[in-house]
């Protein structure tokens, strides 16, 4: 009766009952999916095999990836971000929360002029499932950032692979000339030197809101220097540091 539904939201999916993804894979039978939200219910501390991504989500991406404009995945184990990025050529918003990532697909390309505008990657898991800080593979993360030339908003949290090298290498291919909102929280491996030389002190990057929170290598001195740079050049950038 709802085979033409375009916006699919599934919450509290019990992966222990859905261990082979057969039920979830039936979502591929919807004909016109453009927005997909999947929120799993599972305990990452268990060692049970989980085929939800491989057998449940992958068929959806392969059948409808080219039509998807919005994806939000929460608590997905073995999330193949390379497959997702290469399959979803029309994606405009990607929100990833508390997932466990695989590096199965590291050799891939995103489409030229990939329309991705909003990217959120929150790598810390919910306290109720134990403490995990699993981040996307560096090669995969670098390719996604390099290909997201239309990116307007980028939020990254507790991501150990958001490093100077990953970001500076990505910036060789992506000038981030559409980036307006840039929020970094609890990322321990990024320095102000890498950010200043790539996006923060570039006239062609139209930043409006910048947040540094809990990033050990970004000091109050760094923040003060950047704030002074904004004021000196009369840029209308709201910047916060904590």
C-alpha atoms as a PDB file:
ATOM      1  CA  UNK A   1       0.000   0.000   0.000  1.00  0.00           C
ATOM      2  CA  UNK A   2       2.939   2.384   0.571  1.00  0.00           C
ATOM      3  CA  UNK A   3       5.282   1.094  -2.123  1.00  0.00           C
ATOM      4  CA  UNK A   4       5.726   4.635  -3.433  1.00  0.00           C
ATOM      5  CA  UNK A   5       6.904   6.057  -0.097  1.00  0.00           C
ATOM      6  CA  UNK A   6       9.948   8.283  -0.553  1.00  0.00           C
ATOM      7  CA  UNK A   7      10.877   9.050   3.068  1.00  0.00           C
ATOM      8  CA  UNK A   8      11.661   5.938   5.138  1.00  0.00           C
ATOM      9  CA  UNK A   9      12.378   6.201   8.887  1.00  0.00           C
ATOM     10  CA  UNK A  10      12.951   3.004  10.879  1.00  0.00           C
ATOM     11  CA  UNK A  11      13.817   3.301  14.558  1.00  0.00           C
ATOM     12  CA  UNK A  12      14.764   0.871  17.322  1.00  0.00           C
ATOM     13  CA  UNK A  13      15.562  -1.988  14.937  1.00  0.00           C
ATOM     14  CA  UNK A  14      16.498  -5.052  16.989  1.00  0.00           C
ATOM     15  CA  UNK A  15      19.561  -6.426  15.183  1.00  0.00           C
ATOM     16  CA  UNK A  16      19.636  -9.511  17.432  1.00  0.00           C
ATOM     17  CA  UNK A  17      16.344 -10.575  15.911  1.00  0.00           C
ATOM     18  CA  UNK A  18      17.453  -9.233  12.534  1.00  0.00           C
ATOM     19  CA  UNK A  19      20.877 -10.934  12.483  1.00  0.00           C
ATOM     20  CA  UNK A  20      20.883 -11.641   8.762  1.00  0.00           C
ATOM     21  CA  UNK A  21      19.161  -8.493   7.588  1.00  0.00           C
ATOM     22  CA  UNK A  22      16.408 -10.229   5.618  1.00  0.00           C
ATOM     23  CA  UNK A  23      13.641  -8.020   6.957  1.00  0.00           C
ATOM     24  CA  UNK A  24      15.620  -4.814   6.569  1.00  0.00           C
ATOM     25  CA  UNK A  25      16.613  -5.693   3.005  1.00  0.00           C
ATOM     26  CA  UNK A  26      12.925  -5.613   2.059  1.00  0.00           C
ATOM     27  CA  UNK A  27      13.186  -1.821   2.161  1.00  0.00           C
ATOM     28  CA  UNK A  28      14.814  -2.130  -1.263  1.00  0.00           C
ATOM     29  CA  UNK A  29      11.363  -3.025  -2.628  1.00  0.00           C
ATOM     30  CA  UNK A  30      10.129   0.519  -2.072  1.00  0.00           C
ATOM     31  CA  UNK A  31      10.287   2.146  -5.480  1.00  0.00           C
ATOM     32  CA  UNK A  32      10.952   5.811  -4.793  1.00  0.00           C
ATOM     33  CA  UNK A  33      13.177   6.102  -1.719  1.00  0.00           C
ATOM     34  CA  UNK A  34      15.018   9.418  -1.457  1.00  0.00           C
ATOM     35  CA  UNK A  35      15.464   9.699   2.333  1.00  0.00           C
ATOM     36  CA  UNK A  36      16.544   6.864   4.612  1.00  0.00           C
ATOM     37  CA  UNK A  37      16.902   6.858   8.407  1.00  0.00           C
ATOM     38  CA  UNK A  38      17.921   3.649  10.192  1.00  0.00           C
ATOM     39  CA  UNK A  39      18.372   3.520  13.964  1.00  0.00           C
ATOM     40  CA  UNK A  40      19.601   0.191  15.313  1.00  0.00           C
ATOM     41  CA  UNK A  41      19.086  -1.270  18.779  1.00  0.00           C
ATOM     42  CA  UNK A  42      22.084  -3.328  19.794  1.00  0.00           C
ATOM     43  CA  UNK A  43      24.888  -3.729  22.289  1.00  0.00           C
ATOM     44  CA  UNK A  44      28.290  -3.353  20.642  1.00  0.00           C
ATOM     45  CA  UNK A  45      29.863  -5.223  23.557  1.00  0.00           C
ATOM     46  CA  UNK A  46      28.449  -8.514  22.269  1.00  0.00           C
ATOM     47  CA  UNK A  47      30.577 -10.626  19.940  1.00  0.00           C
ATOM     48  CA  UNK A  48      27.712 -11.987  17.874  1.00  0.00           C
ATOM     49  CA  UNK A  49      28.147 -11.785  14.116  1.00  0.00           C
ATOM     50  CA  UNK A  50      26.123  -8.997  12.592  1.00  0.00           C
ATOM     51  CA  UNK A  51      25.223  -9.137   8.904  1.00  0.00           C
ATOM     52  CA  UNK A  52      22.817  -6.193   9.038  1.00  0.00           C
ATOM     53  CA  UNK A  53      24.911  -3.920   6.830  1.00  0.00           C
ATOM     54  CA  UNK A  54      26.076  -6.576   4.382  1.00  0.00           C
ATOM     55  CA  UNK A  55      22.763  -8.353   3.869  1.00  0.00           C
ATOM     56  CA  UNK A  56      20.254  -5.725   4.979  1.00  0.00           C
ATOM     57  CA  UNK A  57      21.562  -2.263   4.082  1.00  0.00           C
ATOM     58  CA  UNK A  58      23.822  -3.016   1.114  1.00  0.00           C
ATOM     59  CA  UNK A  59      20.914  -4.163  -1.127  1.00  0.00           C
ATOM     60  CA  UNK A  60      19.147  -0.882  -0.359  1.00  0.00           C
ATOM     61  CA  UNK A  61      22.205   1.161  -1.334  1.00  0.00           C
ATOM     62  CA  UNK A  62      22.831  -0.843  -4.503  1.00  0.00           C
ATOM     63  CA  UNK A  63      19.193  -0.561  -5.611  1.00  0.00           C
ATOM     64  CA  UNK A  64      18.451   3.018  -4.573  1.00  0.00           C
ATOM     65  CA  UNK A  65      21.762   4.718  -3.808  1.00  0.00           C
ATOM     66  CA  UNK A  66      21.650   6.896  -6.904  1.00  0.00           C
ATOM     67  CA  UNK A  67      18.283   8.347  -5.765  1.00  0.00           C
ATOM     68  CA  UNK A  68      19.043   8.885  -2.077  1.00  0.00           C
ATOM     69  CA  UNK A  69      19.487  12.512  -1.049  1.00  0.00           C
ATOM     70  CA  UNK A  70      19.430  12.003   2.748  1.00  0.00           C
ATOM     71  CA  UNK A  71      20.899   9.235   4.927  1.00  0.00           C
ATOM     72  CA  UNK A  72      21.063   8.957   8.700  1.00  0.00           C
ATOM     73  CA  UNK A  73      22.529   5.796  10.257  1.00  0.00           C
ATOM     74  CA  UNK A  74      22.809   5.196  14.004  1.00  0.00           C
ATOM     75  CA  UNK A  75      24.428   2.210  15.790  1.00  0.00           C
ATOM     76  CA  UNK A  76      25.252   0.355  12.576  1.00  0.00           C
ATOM     77  CA  UNK A  77      28.019  -2.214  12.878  1.00  0.00           C
ATOM     78  CA  UNK A  78      30.454  -2.845   9.968  1.00  0.00           C
ATOM     79  CA  UNK A  79      29.290   0.239   8.107  1.00  0.00           C
ATOM     80  CA  UNK A  80      31.086   0.273   4.739  1.00  0.00           C
ATOM     81  CA  UNK A  81      31.422   4.009   4.206  1.00  0.00           C
ATOM     82  CA  UNK A  82      33.300   3.575   0.928  1.00  0.00           C
ATOM     83  CA  UNK A  83      30.422   1.611  -0.546  1.00  0.00           C
ATOM     84  CA  UNK A  84      27.923   4.161   0.744  1.00  0.00           C
ATOM     85  CA  UNK A  85      29.802   7.136  -0.715  1.00  0.00           C
ATOM     86  CA  UNK A  86      30.374   5.538  -4.109  1.00  0.00           C
ATOM     87  CA  UNK A  87      26.782   4.253  -4.395  1.00  0.00           C
ATOM     88  CA  UNK A  88      24.980   7.439  -3.355  1.00  0.00           C
ATOM     89  CA  UNK A  89      25.753   9.827  -6.185  1.00  0.00           C
ATOM     90  CA  UNK A  90      22.869  12.222  -5.378  1.00  0.00           C
ATOM     91  CA  UNK A  91      23.459  12.445  -1.637  1.00  0.00           C
ATOM     92  CA  UNK A  92      23.032  15.918  -0.109  1.00  0.00           C
ATOM     93  CA  UNK A  93      22.931  15.128   3.623  1.00  0.00           C
ATOM     94  CA  UNK A  94      24.818  12.372   5.447  1.00  0.00           C
ATOM     95  CA  UNK A  95      24.509  11.952   9.219  1.00  0.00           C
ATOM     96  CA  UNK A  96      26.399   9.127  10.920  1.00  0.00           C
ATOM     97  CA  UNK A  97      26.081   8.567  14.668  1.00  0.00           C
ATOM     98  CA  UNK A  98      27.797   6.028  16.928  1.00  0.00           C
ATOM     99  CA  UNK A  99      28.549   3.473  14.226  1.00  0.00           C
ATOM    100  CA  UNK A 100      31.285   0.860  13.917  1.00  0.00           C
ATOM    101  CA  UNK A 101      33.051   1.231  10.557  1.00  0.00           C
ATOM    102  CA  UNK A 102      34.645  -1.310   8.263  1.00  0.00           C
ATOM    103  CA  UNK A 103      37.329  -0.668   5.653  1.00  0.00           C
ATOM    104  CA  UNK A 104      36.147  -3.246   3.125  1.00  0.00           C
ATOM    105  CA  UNK A 105      35.753  -0.693   0.341  1.00  0.00           C
ATOM    106  CA  UNK A 106      38.720   1.661   0.342  1.00  0.00           C
ATOM    107  CA  UNK A 107      39.283   1.803  -3.421  1.00  0.00           C
ATOM    108  CA  UNK A 108      36.393   3.868  -4.724  1.00  0.00           C
ATOM    109  CA  UNK A 109      35.559   7.230  -6.248  1.00  0.00           C
ATOM    110  CA  UNK A 110      32.719   9.633  -5.616  1.00  0.00           C
ATOM    111  CA  UNK A 111      30.989  11.178  -8.596  1.00  0.00           C
ATOM    112  CA  UNK A 112      32.347  14.473  -9.979  1.00  0.00           C
ATOM    113  CA  UNK A 113      30.612  17.479  -8.412  1.00  0.00           C
ATOM    114  CA  UNK A 114      29.133  15.267  -5.686  1.00  0.00           C
ATOM    115  CA  UNK A 115      26.185  17.292  -4.279  1.00  0.00           C
ATOM    116  CA  UNK A 116      26.870  16.483  -0.592  1.00  0.00           C
ATOM    117  CA  UNK A 117      26.168  19.673   1.411  1.00  0.00           C
ATOM    118  CA  UNK A 118      25.901  18.515   5.035  1.00  0.00           C
ATOM    119  CA  UNK A 119      28.170  15.944   6.677  1.00  0.00           C
ATOM    120  CA  UNK A 120      27.910  14.899  10.335  1.00  0.00           C
ATOM    121  CA  UNK A 121      30.189  12.204  11.782  1.00  0.00           C
ATOM    122  CA  UNK A 122      29.784  11.507  15.509  1.00  0.00           C
ATOM    123  CA  UNK A 123      32.125   8.691  16.459  1.00  0.00           C
ATOM    124  CA  UNK A 124      31.536   8.275  20.186  1.00  0.00           C
ATOM    125  CA  UNK A 125      29.029   5.610  21.129  1.00  0.00           C
ATOM    126  CA  UNK A 126      26.163   5.993  23.546  1.00  0.00           C
ATOM    127  CA  UNK A 127      27.243   5.338  27.176  1.00  0.00           C
ATOM    128  CA  UNK A 128      24.704   2.566  27.419  1.00  0.00           C
ATOM    129  CA  UNK A 129      26.542   0.441  24.872  1.00  0.00           C
ATOM    130  CA  UNK A 130      30.041   0.820  26.269  1.00  0.00           C
ATOM    131  CA  UNK A 131      32.810   3.188  25.246  1.00  0.00           C
ATOM    132  CA  UNK A 132      33.794   2.829  21.610  1.00  0.00           C
ATOM    133  CA  UNK A 133      35.651   5.388  19.533  1.00  0.00           C
ATOM    134  CA  UNK A 134      35.648   3.742  16.152  1.00  0.00           C
ATOM    135  CA  UNK A 135      36.348   6.145  13.284  1.00  0.00           C
ATOM    136  CA  UNK A 136      36.176   5.859   9.494  1.00  0.00           C
ATOM    137  CA  UNK A 137      39.247   4.469   7.767  1.00  0.00           C
ATOM    138  CA  UNK A 138      41.710   7.291   6.987  1.00  0.00           C
ATOM    139  CA  UNK A 139      41.821   6.534   3.258  1.00  0.00           C
ATOM    140  CA  UNK A 140      38.026   6.437   3.050  1.00  0.00           C
ATOM    141  CA  UNK A 141      37.595   9.614   5.112  1.00  0.00           C
ATOM    142  CA  UNK A 142      40.145  11.464   2.991  1.00  0.00           C
ATOM    143  CA  UNK A 143      38.400  10.517  -0.273  1.00  0.00           C
ATOM    144  CA  UNK A 144      35.016  11.600   1.048  1.00  0.00           C
ATOM    145  CA  UNK A 145      36.324  14.990   2.202  1.00  0.00           C
ATOM    146  CA  UNK A 146      38.241  15.458  -1.046  1.00  0.00           C
ATOM    147  CA  UNK A 147      35.152  14.715  -3.127  1.00  0.00           C
ATOM    148  CA  UNK A 148      32.681  16.783  -1.101  1.00  0.00           C
ATOM    149  CA  UNK A 149      33.374  20.012  -2.998  1.00  0.00           C
ATOM    150  CA  UNK A 150      29.856  21.343  -2.375  1.00  0.00           C
ATOM    151  CA  UNK A 151      30.058  20.880   1.396  1.00  0.00           C
ATOM    152  CA  UNK A 152      28.384  23.690   3.355  1.00  0.00           C
ATOM    153  CA  UNK A 153      28.275  22.219   6.871  1.00  0.00           C
ATOM    154  CA  UNK A 154      30.777  19.822   8.474  1.00  0.00           C
ATOM    155  CA  UNK A 155      30.425  18.476  12.021  1.00  0.00           C
ATOM    156  CA  UNK A 156      32.927  15.941  13.363  1.00  0.00           C
ATOM    157  CA  UNK A 157      33.167  14.551  16.897  1.00  0.00           C
ATOM    158  CA  UNK A 158      35.454  12.069  18.695  1.00  0.00           C
ATOM    159  CA  UNK A 159      37.041  11.131  15.384  1.00  0.00           C
ATOM    160  CA  UNK A 160      40.588   9.815  15.743  1.00  0.00           C
ATOM    161  CA  UNK A 161      41.108   9.777  11.969  1.00  0.00           C
ATOM    162  CA  UNK A 162      40.334  13.467  11.554  1.00  0.00           C
ATOM    163  CA  UNK A 163      44.050  14.247  11.439  1.00  0.00           C
ATOM    164  CA  UNK A 164      46.269  16.927   9.971  1.00  0.00           C
ATOM    165  CA  UNK A 165      47.331  14.654   7.132  1.00  0.00           C
ATOM    166  CA  UNK A 166      43.823  13.498   6.259  1.00  0.00           C
ATOM    167  CA  UNK A 167      42.486  17.046   6.136  1.00  0.00           C
ATOM    168  CA  UNK A 168      45.432  18.708   4.365  1.00  0.00           C
ATOM    169  CA  UNK A 169      45.547  15.937   1.764  1.00  0.00           C
ATOM    170  CA  UNK A 170      41.809  16.310   1.149  1.00  0.00           C
ATOM    171  CA  UNK A 171      42.226  20.067   0.772  1.00  0.00           C
ATOM    172  CA  UNK A 172      44.565  19.528  -2.161  1.00  0.00           C
ATOM    173  CA  UNK A 173      41.507  18.442  -4.139  1.00  0.00           C
ATOM    174  CA  UNK A 174      38.741  20.305  -2.317  1.00  0.00           C
ATOM    175  CA  UNK A 175      39.066  24.059  -1.683  1.00  0.00           C
ATOM    176  CA  UNK A 176      35.894  24.060   0.500  1.00  0.00           C
ATOM    177  CA  UNK A 177      34.661  27.231  -1.208  1.00  0.00           C
ATOM    178  CA  UNK A 178      31.080  26.571   0.008  1.00  0.00           C
ATOM    179  CA  UNK A 179      31.859  25.773   3.651  1.00  0.00           C
ATOM    180  CA  UNK A 180      29.971  28.037   6.090  1.00  0.00           C
ATOM    181  CA  UNK A 181      29.622  25.919   9.269  1.00  0.00           C
ATOM    182  CA  UNK A 182      32.599  24.029  10.703  1.00  0.00           C
ATOM    183  CA  UNK A 183      32.261  22.329  14.099  1.00  0.00           C
ATOM    184  CA  UNK A 184      34.962  20.129  15.659  1.00  0.00           C
ATOM    185  CA  UNK A 185      34.465  18.518  19.065  1.00  0.00           C
ATOM    186  CA  UNK A 186      36.752  16.172  20.972  1.00  0.00           C
ATOM    187  CA  UNK A 187      39.029  15.476  18.029  1.00  0.00           C
ATOM    188  CA  UNK A 188      42.476  14.868  19.523  1.00  0.00           C
ATOM    189  CA  UNK A 189      44.580  14.600  16.366  1.00  0.00           C
ATOM    190  CA  UNK A 190      43.951  17.879  14.546  1.00  0.00           C
ATOM    191  CA  UNK A 191      45.997  21.043  15.014  1.00  0.00           C
ATOM    192  CA  UNK A 192      45.306  24.688  14.361  1.00  0.00           C
ATOM    193  CA  UNK A 193      48.263  24.810  11.976  1.00  0.00           C
ATOM    194  CA  UNK A 194      46.560  22.380   9.602  1.00  0.00           C
ATOM    195  CA  UNK A 195      43.229  24.227   9.825  1.00  0.00           C
ATOM    196  CA  UNK A 196      44.666  27.709   9.363  1.00  0.00           C
ATOM    197  CA  UNK A 197      46.586  26.667   6.293  1.00  0.00           C
ATOM    198  CA  UNK A 198      43.579  25.048   4.642  1.00  0.00           C
ATOM    199  CA  UNK A 199      40.241  26.691   5.483  1.00  0.00           C
ATOM    200  CA  UNK A 200      40.371  29.084   8.445  1.00  0.00           C
ATOM    201  CA  UNK A 201      42.579  31.742   6.898  1.00  0.00           C
ATOM    202  CA  UNK A 202      41.474  31.505   3.287  1.00  0.00           C
ATOM    203  CA  UNK A 203      39.577  34.407   1.747  1.00  0.00           C
ATOM    204  CA  UNK A 204      37.624  32.090  -0.554  1.00  0.00           C
ATOM    205  CA  UNK A 205      36.205  29.938   2.276  1.00  0.00           C
ATOM    206  CA  UNK A 206      32.956  31.677   3.378  1.00  0.00           C
ATOM    207  CA  UNK A 207      32.901  30.555   7.032  1.00  0.00           C
ATOM    208  CA  UNK A 208      30.170  31.961   9.275  1.00  0.00           C
ATOM    209  CA  UNK A 209      30.239  29.650  12.310  1.00  0.00           C
ATOM    210  CA  UNK A 210      33.276  27.857  13.740  1.00  0.00           C
ATOM    211  CA  UNK A 211      33.369  25.787  16.940  1.00  0.00           C
ATOM    212  CA  UNK A 212      36.336  24.125  18.640  1.00  0.00           C
ATOM    213  CA  UNK A 213      35.384  22.040  21.689  1.00  0.00           C
ATOM    214  CA  UNK A 214      37.561  19.597  23.608  1.00  0.00           C
ATOM    215  CA  UNK A 215      40.267  19.414  20.937  1.00  0.00           C
ATOM    216  CA  UNK A 216      43.480  18.951  22.914  1.00  0.00           C
ATOM    217  CA  UNK A 217      45.820  20.369  20.283  1.00  0.00           C
ATOM    218  CA  UNK A 218      43.767  23.526  19.680  1.00  0.00           C
ATOM    219  CA  UNK A 219      44.710  25.839  22.530  1.00  0.00           C
ATOM    220  CA  UNK A 220      43.274  29.066  23.863  1.00  0.00           C
ATOM    221  CA  UNK A 221      46.249  30.824  22.271  1.00  0.00           C
ATOM    222  CA  UNK A 222      45.285  29.322  18.910  1.00  0.00           C
ATOM    223  CA  UNK A 223      41.709  30.473  19.351  1.00  0.00           C
ATOM    224  CA  UNK A 224      42.782  33.997  20.358  1.00  0.00           C
ATOM    225  CA  UNK A 225      45.053  34.263  17.324  1.00  0.00           C
ATOM    226  CA  UNK A 226      42.273  33.204  14.984  1.00  0.00           C
ATOM    227  CA  UNK A 227      39.783  35.544  16.648  1.00  0.00           C
ATOM    228  CA  UNK A 228      42.237  38.404  16.182  1.00  0.00           C
ATOM    229  CA  UNK A 229      42.625  37.459  12.522  1.00  0.00           C
ATOM    230  CA  UNK A 230      38.844  37.608  12.060  1.00  0.00           C
ATOM    231  CA  UNK A 231      38.585  40.999  13.723  1.00  0.00           C
ATOM    232  CA  UNK A 232      41.526  42.453  11.799  1.00  0.00           C
ATOM    233  CA  UNK A 233      40.053  41.396   8.469  1.00  0.00           C
ATOM    234  CA  UNK A 234      36.482  42.329   9.454  1.00  0.00           C
ATOM    235  CA  UNK A 235      35.136  38.866   8.684  1.00  0.00           C
ATOM    236  CA  UNK A 236      31.629  38.064   9.923  1.00  0.00           C
ATOM    237  CA  UNK A 237      32.575  34.763  11.530  1.00  0.00           C
ATOM    238  CA  UNK A 238      31.208  33.595  14.879  1.00  0.00           C
ATOM    239  CA  UNK A 239      33.933  31.532  16.536  1.00  0.00           C
ATOM    240  CA  UNK A 240      33.793  29.605  19.835  1.00  0.00           C
ATOM    241  CA  UNK A 241      36.389  27.660  21.797  1.00  0.00           C
ATOM    242  CA  UNK A 242      35.920  25.509  24.917  1.00  0.00           C
END
